[in-house]
C-alpha atoms as a PDB file:
ATOM      1  CA  MET A   1       0.000   0.000   0.000  1.00  0.00           C
ATOM      2  CA  HIS A   2       1.367   3.417  -0.922  1.00  0.00           C
ATOM      3  CA  LYS A   3       2.036   5.871   1.883  1.00  0.00           C
ATOM      4  CA  ARG A   4      -0.789   8.209   0.784  1.00  0.00           C
ATOM      5  CA  GLN A   5      -3.293   5.333   0.627  1.00  0.00           C
ATOM      6  CA  PHE A   6      -2.205   4.156   4.070  1.00  0.00           C
ATOM      7  CA  ILE A   7      -2.771   7.596   5.613  1.00  0.00           C
ATOM      8  CA  THR A   8      -6.193   7.915   3.924  1.00  0.00           C
ATOM      9  CA  ALA A   9      -7.236   4.522   5.246  1.00  0.00           C
ATOM     10  CA  LEU A  10      -5.998   5.391   8.742  1.00  0.00           C
ATOM     11  CA  VAL A  11      -8.009   8.618   8.785  1.00  0.00           C
ATOM     12  CA  ALA A  12     -11.110   6.757   7.630  1.00  0.00           C
ATOM     13  CA  VAL A  13     -10.763   4.171  10.407  1.00  0.00           C
ATOM     14  CA  GLY A  14     -10.214   6.904  12.994  1.00  0.00           C
ATOM     15  CA  SER A  15     -13.269   8.827  11.833  1.00  0.00           C
ATOM     16  CA  ALA A  16     -15.414   5.728  11.979  1.00  0.00           C
ATOM     17  CA  ALA A  17     -14.227   5.005  15.505  1.00  0.00           C
ATOM     18  CA  LEU A  18     -15.067   8.529  16.647  1.00  0.00           C
ATOM     19  CA  ALA A  19     -18.496   8.361  15.037  1.00  0.00           C
ATOM     20  CA  SER A  20     -19.152   5.095  16.830  1.00  0.00           C
ATOM     21  CA  ALA A  21     -18.014   6.436  20.198  1.00  0.00           C
ATOM     22  CA  PHE A  22     -19.869   9.757  19.848  1.00  0.00           C
ATOM     23  CA  PRO A  23     -22.950   9.248  17.662  1.00  0.00           C
ATOM     24  CA  VAL A  24     -24.598  12.447  16.469  1.00  0.00           C
ATOM     25  CA  SER A  25     -27.976  11.469  17.905  1.00  0.00           C
ATOM     26  CA  SER A  26     -26.593  11.371  21.465  1.00  0.00           C
ATOM     27  CA  ALA A  27     -25.002  14.804  21.208  1.00  0.00           C
ATOM     28  CA  ILE A  28     -28.346  16.479  21.821  1.00  0.00           C
ATOM     29  CA  ALA A  29     -29.456  15.949  25.421  1.00  0.00           C
ATOM     30  CA  ASP A  30     -33.123  15.679  26.374  1.00  0.00           C
ATOM     31  CA  ALA A  31     -33.461  15.713  30.142  1.00  0.00           C
ATOM     32  CA  LEU A  32     -37.271  15.635  30.039  1.00  0.00           C
ATOM     33  CA  ALA A  33     -37.216  12.431  27.973  1.00  0.00           C
ATOM     34  CA  ASP A  34     -34.731  10.886  30.427  1.00  0.00           C
ATOM     35  CA  ILE A  35     -36.912  11.836  33.399  1.00  0.00           C
ATOM     36  CA  THR A  36     -40.005  10.432  31.734  1.00  0.00           C
ATOM     37  CA  SER A  37     -38.168   7.238  30.800  1.00  0.00           C
ATOM     38  CA  SER A  38     -36.709   6.669  34.281  1.00  0.00           C
ATOM     39  CA  LYS A  39     -40.027   7.672  35.916  1.00  0.00           C
ATOM     40  CA  THR A  40     -37.994   9.574  38.529  1.00  0.00           C
ATOM     41  CA  ILE A  41     -36.929  13.190  38.890  1.00  0.00           C
ATOM     42  CA  ARG A  42     -33.988  14.187  41.095  1.00  0.00           C
ATOM     43  CA  ILE A  43     -34.491  17.634  42.594  1.00  0.00           C
ATOM     44  CA  ALA A  44     -31.987  19.541  44.735  1.00  0.00           C
ATOM     45  CA  VAL A  45     -33.739  21.049  47.767  1.00  0.00           C
ATOM     46  CA  PRO A  46     -32.540  23.039  50.813  1.00  0.00           C
ATOM     47  CA  GLN A  47     -32.192  21.241  54.129  1.00  0.00           C
ATOM     48  CA  ASP A  48     -31.268  24.058  56.515  1.00  0.00           C
ATOM     49  CA  PHE A  49     -33.053  27.154  55.243  1.00  0.00           C
ATOM     50  CA  PRO A  50     -36.549  27.437  56.717  1.00  0.00           C
ATOM     51  CA  PRO A  51     -39.175  28.185  55.620  1.00  0.00           C
ATOM     52  CA  PHE A  52     -37.921  27.118  52.170  1.00  0.00           C
ATOM     53  CA  GLY A  53     -36.523  23.814  53.348  1.00  0.00           C
ATOM     54  CA  SER A  54     -35.703  22.124  56.635  1.00  0.00           C
ATOM     55  CA  VAL A  55     -36.209  18.898  58.561  1.00  0.00           C
ATOM     56  CA  GLY A  56     -39.414  18.797  60.603  1.00  0.00           C
ATOM     57  CA  PRO A  57     -40.021  17.211  64.034  1.00  0.00           C
ATOM     58  CA  ASP A  58     -40.944  13.997  62.226  1.00  0.00           C
ATOM     59  CA  MET A  59     -37.505  14.041  60.526  1.00  0.00           C
ATOM     60  CA  LYS A  60     -39.131  14.588  57.132  1.00  0.00           C
ATOM     61  CA  PRO A  61     -38.250  17.491  54.812  1.00  0.00           C
ATOM     62  CA  ARG A  62     -40.681  20.393  54.851  1.00  0.00           C
ATOM     63  CA  GLY A  63     -40.957  23.888  53.435  1.00  0.00           C
ATOM     64  CA  TYR A  64     -41.880  26.019  50.448  1.00  0.00           C
ATOM     65  CA  ASP A  65     -39.339  24.421  48.100  1.00  0.00           C
ATOM     66  CA  ILE A  66     -40.264  20.920  49.266  1.00  0.00           C
ATOM     67  CA  ASP A  67     -43.907  21.571  48.352  1.00  0.00           C
ATOM     68  CA  VAL A  68     -42.942  23.001  44.946  1.00  0.00           C
ATOM     69  CA  ALA A  69     -40.664  20.023  44.205  1.00  0.00           C
ATOM     70  CA  THR A  70     -43.522  17.687  45.140  1.00  0.00           C
ATOM     71  CA  LEU A  71     -45.888  19.619  42.874  1.00  0.00           C
ATOM     72  CA  VAL A  72     -43.471  19.400  39.917  1.00  0.00           C
ATOM     73  CA  ALA A  73     -43.038  15.630  40.326  1.00  0.00           C
ATOM     74  CA  GLU A  74     -46.800  15.110  40.590  1.00  0.00           C
ATOM     75  CA  LYS A  75     -47.476  17.139  37.437  1.00  0.00           C
ATOM     76  CA  LEU A  76     -44.805  15.198  35.559  1.00  0.00           C
ATOM     77  CA  GLY A  77     -46.253  11.929  36.809  1.00  0.00           C
ATOM     78  CA  VAL A  78     -42.928  10.663  38.134  1.00  0.00           C
ATOM     79  CA  LYS A  79     -41.395   9.685  41.477  1.00  0.00           C
ATOM     80  CA  LEU A  80     -39.635  12.449  43.407  1.00  0.00           C
ATOM     81  CA  SER A  81     -36.095  11.893  44.640  1.00  0.00           C
ATOM     82  CA  MET A  82     -35.099  14.853  46.838  1.00  0.00           C
ATOM     83  CA  VAL A  83     -31.381  15.570  47.129  1.00  0.00           C
ATOM     84  CA  PRO A  84     -30.406  17.847  50.064  1.00  0.00           C
ATOM     85  CA  VAL A  85     -27.991  20.607  49.036  1.00  0.00           C
ATOM     86  CA  THR A  86     -26.393  23.758  50.411  1.00  0.00           C
ATOM     87  CA  SER A  87     -26.150  27.181  48.817  1.00  0.00           C
ATOM     88  CA  ALA A  88     -22.540  26.414  47.910  1.00  0.00           C
ATOM     89  CA  ASN A  89     -23.021  23.104  46.090  1.00  0.00           C
ATOM     90  CA  ARG A  90     -26.484  23.295  44.506  1.00  0.00           C
ATOM     91  CA  VAL A  91     -25.311  24.555  41.085  1.00  0.00           C
ATOM     92  CA  ALA A  92     -22.411  22.077  41.061  1.00  0.00           C
ATOM     93  CA  TYR A  93     -24.834  19.206  41.707  1.00  0.00           C
ATOM     94  CA  LEU A  94     -26.773  20.263  38.614  1.00  0.00           C
ATOM     95  CA  GLN A  95     -23.694  20.608  36.421  1.00  0.00           C
ATOM     96  CA  THR A  96     -22.332  17.198  37.456  1.00  0.00           C
ATOM     97  CA  ASN A  97     -25.660  15.443  36.783  1.00  0.00           C
ATOM     98  CA  LYS A  98     -26.373  14.598  40.413  1.00  0.00           C
ATOM     99  CA  VAL A  99     -29.782  16.270  40.010  1.00  0.00           C
ATOM    100  CA  ASP A 100     -32.162  17.193  37.186  1.00  0.00           C
ATOM    101  CA  LEU A 101     -33.424  20.440  38.734  1.00  0.00           C
ATOM    102  CA  VAL A 102     -32.550  22.839  41.536  1.00  0.00           C
ATOM    103  CA  ILE A 103     -35.484  24.084  43.619  1.00  0.00           C
ATOM    104  CA  SER A 104     -33.571  25.662  46.477  1.00  0.00           C
ATOM    105  CA  SER A 105     -34.375  29.381  46.901  1.00  0.00           C
ATOM    106  CA  LEU A 106     -32.169  29.996  43.863  1.00  0.00           C
ATOM    107  CA  GLY A 107     -31.826  33.606  42.751  1.00  0.00           C
ATOM    108  CA  LYS A 108     -30.748  34.741  39.293  1.00  0.00           C
ATOM    109  CA  ASN A 109     -27.537  36.633  38.641  1.00  0.00           C
ATOM    110  CA  PRO A 110     -25.228  37.037  35.621  1.00  0.00           C
ATOM    111  CA  GLU A 111     -22.644  34.565  36.942  1.00  0.00           C
ATOM    112  CA  ARG A 112     -25.196  31.779  37.360  1.00  0.00           C
ATOM    113  CA  ALA A 113     -26.967  32.631  34.101  1.00  0.00           C
ATOM    114  CA  ALA A 114     -23.680  32.007  32.283  1.00  0.00           C
ATOM    115  CA  VAL A 115     -23.645  28.335  33.320  1.00  0.00           C
ATOM    116  CA  ILE A 116     -27.288  27.280  33.932  1.00  0.00           C
ATOM    117  CA  ASP A 117     -30.779  28.257  32.801  1.00  0.00           C
ATOM    118  CA  PHE A 118     -33.703  29.498  34.872  1.00  0.00           C
ATOM    119  CA  SER A 119     -37.447  28.943  34.766  1.00  0.00           C
ATOM    120  CA  ILE A 120     -39.970  31.688  35.349  1.00  0.00           C
ATOM    121  CA  ALA A 121     -40.089  32.801  39.001  1.00  0.00           C
ATOM    122  CA  TYR A 122     -41.968  30.542  41.419  1.00  0.00           C
ATOM    123  CA  ALA A 123     -41.375  32.142  44.831  1.00  0.00           C
ATOM    124  CA  PRO A 124     -40.958  35.613  46.263  1.00  0.00           C
ATOM    125  CA  TYR A 125     -37.662  36.414  47.934  1.00  0.00           C
ATOM    126  CA  PHE A 126     -37.229  40.020  48.908  1.00  0.00           C
ATOM    127  CA  SER A 127     -36.134  42.522  51.471  1.00  0.00           C
ATOM    128  CA  GLY A 128     -38.712  44.972  52.699  1.00  0.00           C
ATOM    129  CA  VAL A 129     -39.954  47.273  55.422  1.00  0.00           C
ATOM    130  CA  PHE A 130     -42.226  45.450  57.858  1.00  0.00           C
ATOM    131  CA  ALA A 131     -44.371  46.959  60.601  1.00  0.00           C
ATOM    132  CA  PRO A 132     -47.601  46.149  62.478  1.00  0.00           C
ATOM    133  CA  LYS A 133     -50.844  46.542  60.548  1.00  0.00           C
ATOM    134  CA  ASP A 134     -51.856  49.732  62.358  1.00  0.00           C
ATOM    135  CA  VAL A 135     -48.623  51.569  61.468  1.00  0.00           C
ATOM    136  CA  ALA A 136     -49.167  53.762  58.398  1.00  0.00           C
ATOM    137  CA  ILE A 137     -46.155  53.257  56.157  1.00  0.00           C
ATOM    138  CA  ALA A 138     -46.436  53.016  52.381  1.00  0.00           C
ATOM    139  CA  THR A 139     -43.269  54.637  51.011  1.00  0.00           C
ATOM    140  CA  VAL A 140     -39.747  55.417  52.181  1.00  0.00           C
ATOM    141  CA  ALA A 141     -40.855  59.005  52.911  1.00  0.00           C
ATOM    142  CA  ASP A 142     -43.235  57.664  55.562  1.00  0.00           C
ATOM    143  CA  LEU A 143     -40.237  56.460  57.602  1.00  0.00           C
ATOM    144  CA  SER A 144     -39.362  60.060  58.467  1.00  0.00           C
ATOM    145  CA  GLY A 145     -39.569  60.616  62.217  1.00  0.00           C
ATOM    146  CA  LYS A 146     -39.653  56.860  62.936  1.00  0.00           C
ATOM    147  CA  VAL A 147     -37.190  54.435  64.515  1.00  0.00           C
ATOM    148  CA  VAL A 148     -36.296  51.566  62.188  1.00  0.00           C
ATOM    149  CA  GLY A 149     -34.347  48.411  63.009  1.00  0.00           C
ATOM    150  CA  VAL A 150     -31.965  46.557  60.681  1.00  0.00           C
ATOM    151  CA  THR A 151     -29.230  43.939  60.952  1.00  0.00           C
ATOM    152  CA  ARG A 152     -25.826  45.589  60.701  1.00  0.00           C
ATOM    153  CA  GLY A 153     -23.942  44.972  57.450  1.00  0.00           C
ATOM    154  CA  SER A 154     -26.807  43.061  55.833  1.00  0.00           C
ATOM    155  CA  ILE A 155     -28.044  43.694  52.301  1.00  0.00           C
ATOM    156  CA  GLU A 156     -31.029  45.407  53.919  1.00  0.00           C
ATOM    157  CA  ASP A 157     -28.694  47.737  55.820  1.00  0.00           C
ATOM    158  CA  LEU A 158     -26.856  48.681  52.626  1.00  0.00           C
ATOM    159  CA  GLU A 159     -30.047  49.242  50.641  1.00  0.00           C
ATOM    160  CA  LEU A 160     -31.769  51.159  53.453  1.00  0.00           C
ATOM    161  CA  SER A 161     -28.803  53.510  53.790  1.00  0.00           C
ATOM    162  CA  LYS A 162     -29.211  54.485  50.135  1.00  0.00           C
ATOM    163  CA  LEU A 163     -32.910  55.247  50.484  1.00  0.00           C
ATOM    164  CA  VAL A 164     -33.750  56.746  53.854  1.00  0.00           C
ATOM    165  CA  PRO A 165     -34.639  60.440  54.072  1.00  0.00           C
ATOM    166  CA  GLU A 166     -33.489  62.740  56.848  1.00  0.00           C
ATOM    167  CA  GLY A 167     -35.246  62.315  60.152  1.00  0.00           C
ATOM    168  CA  VAL A 168     -35.147  58.521  60.191  1.00  0.00           C
ATOM    169  CA  THR A 169     -33.445  56.924  63.179  1.00  0.00           C
ATOM    170  CA  ILE A 170     -31.793  53.649  62.166  1.00  0.00           C
ATOM    171  CA  LYS A 171     -30.906  51.225  64.944  1.00  0.00           C
ATOM    172  CA  ARG A 172     -28.436  48.587  63.789  1.00  0.00           C
ATOM    173  CA  TYR A 173     -28.278  45.205  65.515  1.00  0.00           C
ATOM    174  CA  GLU A 174     -25.502  42.653  65.299  1.00  0.00           C
ATOM    175  CA  ASP A 175     -27.681  39.787  64.092  1.00  0.00           C
ATOM    176  CA  ASN A 176     -31.214  38.882  63.006  1.00  0.00           C
ATOM    177  CA  ASN A 177     -32.166  37.762  66.501  1.00  0.00           C
ATOM    178  CA  GLY A 178     -31.324  41.176  67.934  1.00  0.00           C
ATOM    179  CA  ASN A 179     -33.242  42.889  65.162  1.00  0.00           C
ATOM    180  CA  ILE A 180     -36.280  40.664  65.698  1.00  0.00           C
ATOM    181  CA  SER A 181     -36.190  41.137  69.473  1.00  0.00           C
ATOM    182  CA  ALA A 182     -36.117  44.929  69.051  1.00  0.00           C
ATOM    183  CA  PHE A 183     -39.193  44.761  66.830  1.00  0.00           C
ATOM    184  CA  LEU A 184     -41.134  42.406  69.089  1.00  0.00           C
ATOM    185  CA  SER A 185     -40.359  44.482  72.188  1.00  0.00           C
ATOM    186  CA  GLY A 186     -41.382  47.738  70.510  1.00  0.00           C
ATOM    187  CA  GLN A 187     -37.917  49.322  70.574  1.00  0.00           C
ATOM    188  CA  VAL A 188     -38.346  50.035  66.861  1.00  0.00           C
ATOM    189  CA  VAL A 189     -41.532  50.917  64.980  1.00  0.00           C
ATOM    190  CA  ALA A 190     -40.539  49.060  61.827  1.00  0.00           C
ATOM    191  CA  VAL A 191     -37.979  46.459  60.865  1.00  0.00           C
ATOM    192  CA  VAL A 192     -36.138  46.124  57.561  1.00  0.00           C
ATOM    193  CA  THR A 193     -35.466  42.490  56.814  1.00  0.00           C
ATOM    194  CA  GLY A 194     -36.076  39.628  54.387  1.00  0.00           C
ATOM    195  CA  ASN A 195     -39.435  37.971  53.877  1.00  0.00           C
ATOM    196  CA  VAL A 196     -37.941  34.724  55.219  1.00  0.00           C
ATOM    197  CA  VAL A 197     -37.114  36.383  58.542  1.00  0.00           C
ATOM    198  CA  ALA A 198     -40.558  37.978  58.677  1.00  0.00           C
ATOM    199  CA  ALA A 199     -42.132  34.565  58.090  1.00  0.00           C
ATOM    200  CA  ALA A 200     -40.066  33.122  60.940  1.00  0.00           C
ATOM    201  CA  ILE A 201     -41.407  35.867  63.241  1.00  0.00           C
ATOM    202  CA  LEU A 202     -44.982  35.108  62.230  1.00  0.00           C
ATOM    203  CA  ASP A 203     -44.443  31.408  62.916  1.00  0.00           C
ATOM    204  CA  LYS A 204     -44.134  32.307  66.592  1.00  0.00           C
ATOM    205  CA  ASN A 205     -47.513  34.094  66.503  1.00  0.00           C
ATOM    206  CA  PRO A 206     -46.252  37.163  68.404  1.00  0.00           C
ATOM    207  CA  PRO A 207     -48.438  40.067  69.628  1.00  0.00           C
ATOM    208  CA  ARG A 208     -46.676  42.404  67.157  1.00  0.00           C
ATOM    209  CA  LYS A 209     -47.042  40.853  63.735  1.00  0.00           C
ATOM    210  CA  PRO A 210     -44.858  42.171  60.899  1.00  0.00           C
ATOM    211  CA  GLU A 211     -46.777  43.184  57.783  1.00  0.00           C
ATOM    212  CA  LEU A 212     -44.996  44.093  54.553  1.00  0.00           C
ATOM    213  CA  LYS A 213     -45.260  47.826  53.869  1.00  0.00           C
ATOM    214  CA  PHE A 214     -43.020  48.142  50.786  1.00  0.00           C
ATOM    215  CA  LEU A 215     -40.101  46.433  49.053  1.00  0.00           C
ATOM    216  CA  ILE A 216     -36.470  47.433  49.417  1.00  0.00           C
ATOM    217  CA  LYS A 217     -34.947  44.840  47.070  1.00  0.00           C
ATOM    218  CA  ASP A 218     -36.629  42.115  45.021  1.00  0.00           C
ATOM    219  CA  SER A 219     -34.828  38.859  44.158  1.00  0.00           C
ATOM    220  CA  PRO A 220     -37.351  36.088  43.430  1.00  0.00           C
ATOM    221  CA  CYS A 221     -36.549  32.376  43.281  1.00  0.00           C
ATOM    222  CA  TYR A 222     -36.292  30.329  40.091  1.00  0.00           C
ATOM    223  CA  VAL A 223     -35.976  26.657  39.188  1.00  0.00           C
ATOM    224  CA  GLY A 224     -32.461  25.976  37.907  1.00  0.00           C
ATOM    225  CA  MET A 225     -31.685  23.512  35.115  1.00  0.00           C
ATOM    226  CA  ASN A 226     -28.846  22.728  32.749  1.00  0.00           C
ATOM    227  CA  LYS A 227     -28.515  24.788  29.604  1.00  0.00           C
ATOM    228  CA  ASN A 228     -30.023  23.801  26.264  1.00  0.00           C
ATOM    229  CA  GLU A 229     -32.963  21.812  27.620  1.00  0.00           C
ATOM    230  CA  PRO A 230     -35.882  23.474  25.779  1.00  0.00           C
ATOM    231  CA  ALA A 231     -38.377  20.648  26.387  1.00  0.00           C
ATOM    232  CA  LEU A 232     -37.717  20.555  30.124  1.00  0.00           C
ATOM    233  CA  MET A 233     -37.768  24.360  30.325  1.00  0.00           C
ATOM    234  CA  ALA A 234     -41.118  24.564  28.544  1.00  0.00           C
ATOM    235  CA  LYS A 235     -42.643  21.896  30.791  1.00  0.00           C
ATOM    236  CA  ILE A 236     -41.433  23.433  34.064  1.00  0.00           C
ATOM    237  CA  ASN A 237     -42.624  26.877  32.995  1.00  0.00           C
ATOM    238  CA  GLU A 238     -45.995  25.380  32.092  1.00  0.00           C
ATOM    239  CA  ILE A 239     -46.293  23.732  35.526  1.00  0.00           C
ATOM    240  CA  ILE A 240     -45.378  26.955  37.359  1.00  0.00           C
ATOM    241  CA  ALA A 241     -47.742  29.077  35.258  1.00  0.00           C
ATOM    242  CA  GLU A 242     -50.586  26.632  35.844  1.00  0.00           C
ATOM    243  CA  ALA A 243     -49.883  26.588  39.609  1.00  0.00           C
ATOM    244  CA  LYS A 244     -50.047  30.384  39.688  1.00  0.00           C
ATOM    245  CA  LYS A 245     -53.328  30.400  37.786  1.00  0.00           C
ATOM    246  CA  SER A 246     -54.941  27.669  39.889  1.00  0.00           C
ATOM    247  CA  GLY A 247     -53.909  29.218  43.205  1.00  0.00           C
ATOM    248  CA  ALA A 248     -51.679  26.266  44.173  1.00  0.00           C
ATOM    249  CA  LEU A 249     -48.599  28.484  44.490  1.00  0.00           C
ATOM    250  CA  ASN A 250     -50.532  31.086  46.437  1.00  0.00           C
ATOM    251  CA  ALA A 251     -51.540  28.382  48.926  1.00  0.00           C
ATOM    252  CA  ILE A 252     -47.890  27.379  49.340  1.00  0.00           C
ATOM    253  CA  SER A 253     -46.908  31.027  49.896  1.00  0.00           C
ATOM    254  CA  GLU A 254     -49.654  31.526  52.487  1.00  0.00           C
ATOM    255  CA  LYS A 255     -48.636  28.306  54.226  1.00  0.00           C
ATOM    256  CA  TRP A 256     -44.909  29.003  54.541  1.00  0.00           C
ATOM    257  CA  LEU A 257     -44.439  32.772  54.118  1.00  0.00           C
ATOM    258  CA  HIS A 258     -47.781  33.867  55.601  1.00  0.00           C
ATOM    259  CA  GLN A 259     -48.166  36.258  52.674  1.00  0.00           C
ATOM    260  CA  PRO A 260     -50.230  35.986  49.485  1.00  0.00           C
ATOM    261  CA  LEU A 261     -48.251  35.479  46.310  1.00  0.00           C
ATOM    262  CA  ASP A 262     -47.459  38.777  44.610  1.00  0.00           C
ATOM    263  CA  LYS A 263     -49.526  39.084  41.422  1.00  0.00           C
ATOM    264  CA  ASN A 264     -46.482  40.516  39.656  1.00  0.00           C
ATOM    265  CA  LEU A 265     -44.306  37.489  40.392  1.00  0.00           C
END
């Protein structure tokens, strides 16, 4: 065999081997088809972030995200396999195929959007000004002349400092517990905190109940999934949209956050 013929034959054999090892049809992933075929969906959920996800007295997972994960599995008609994750490893679990979805109070930012895709929003996550029902506060201007509590160095502290008008007394506390205690004892008229913290206060059914007066910063939660999964994306968005329309998501919000679901979510 001439040298040129030998090289041509070698290239042909190599190409055939590559085609066999990496067939074109398998290059396009379809997570929804895999989930349907396996009849199981693996969803990353929080385990230490109430009220979105924690372990209850019966040692079973409970919370907003647990209920949403259960809803998704039911609508897909598959078995739910919940995988406990932390804030640090939830995206990595998705990228390394340990889970099919992340439903773990996941916010959207440019860094995450570069490596994973997001559904439409399914849960409110925000910082706001909270005060008892009988306290008339509707805008930041209404804080003038009032004493407001906030956790020192928190995102709420930073945002509040940008917004407050003159005449507002801000009392900064070293942690959320100090901030909550000041509100419950009446040391401050209003408290600036996250909706999760406000929900935790309401869980204790205190005499002074925090009611949302207005938002400081909005950062809703989304379902995370791997990129380039159009079928799965469309299905998850359909499930979330239907749950909003039917009131199922509002019931979950009332149950865990003690607030109706924002119509603009």
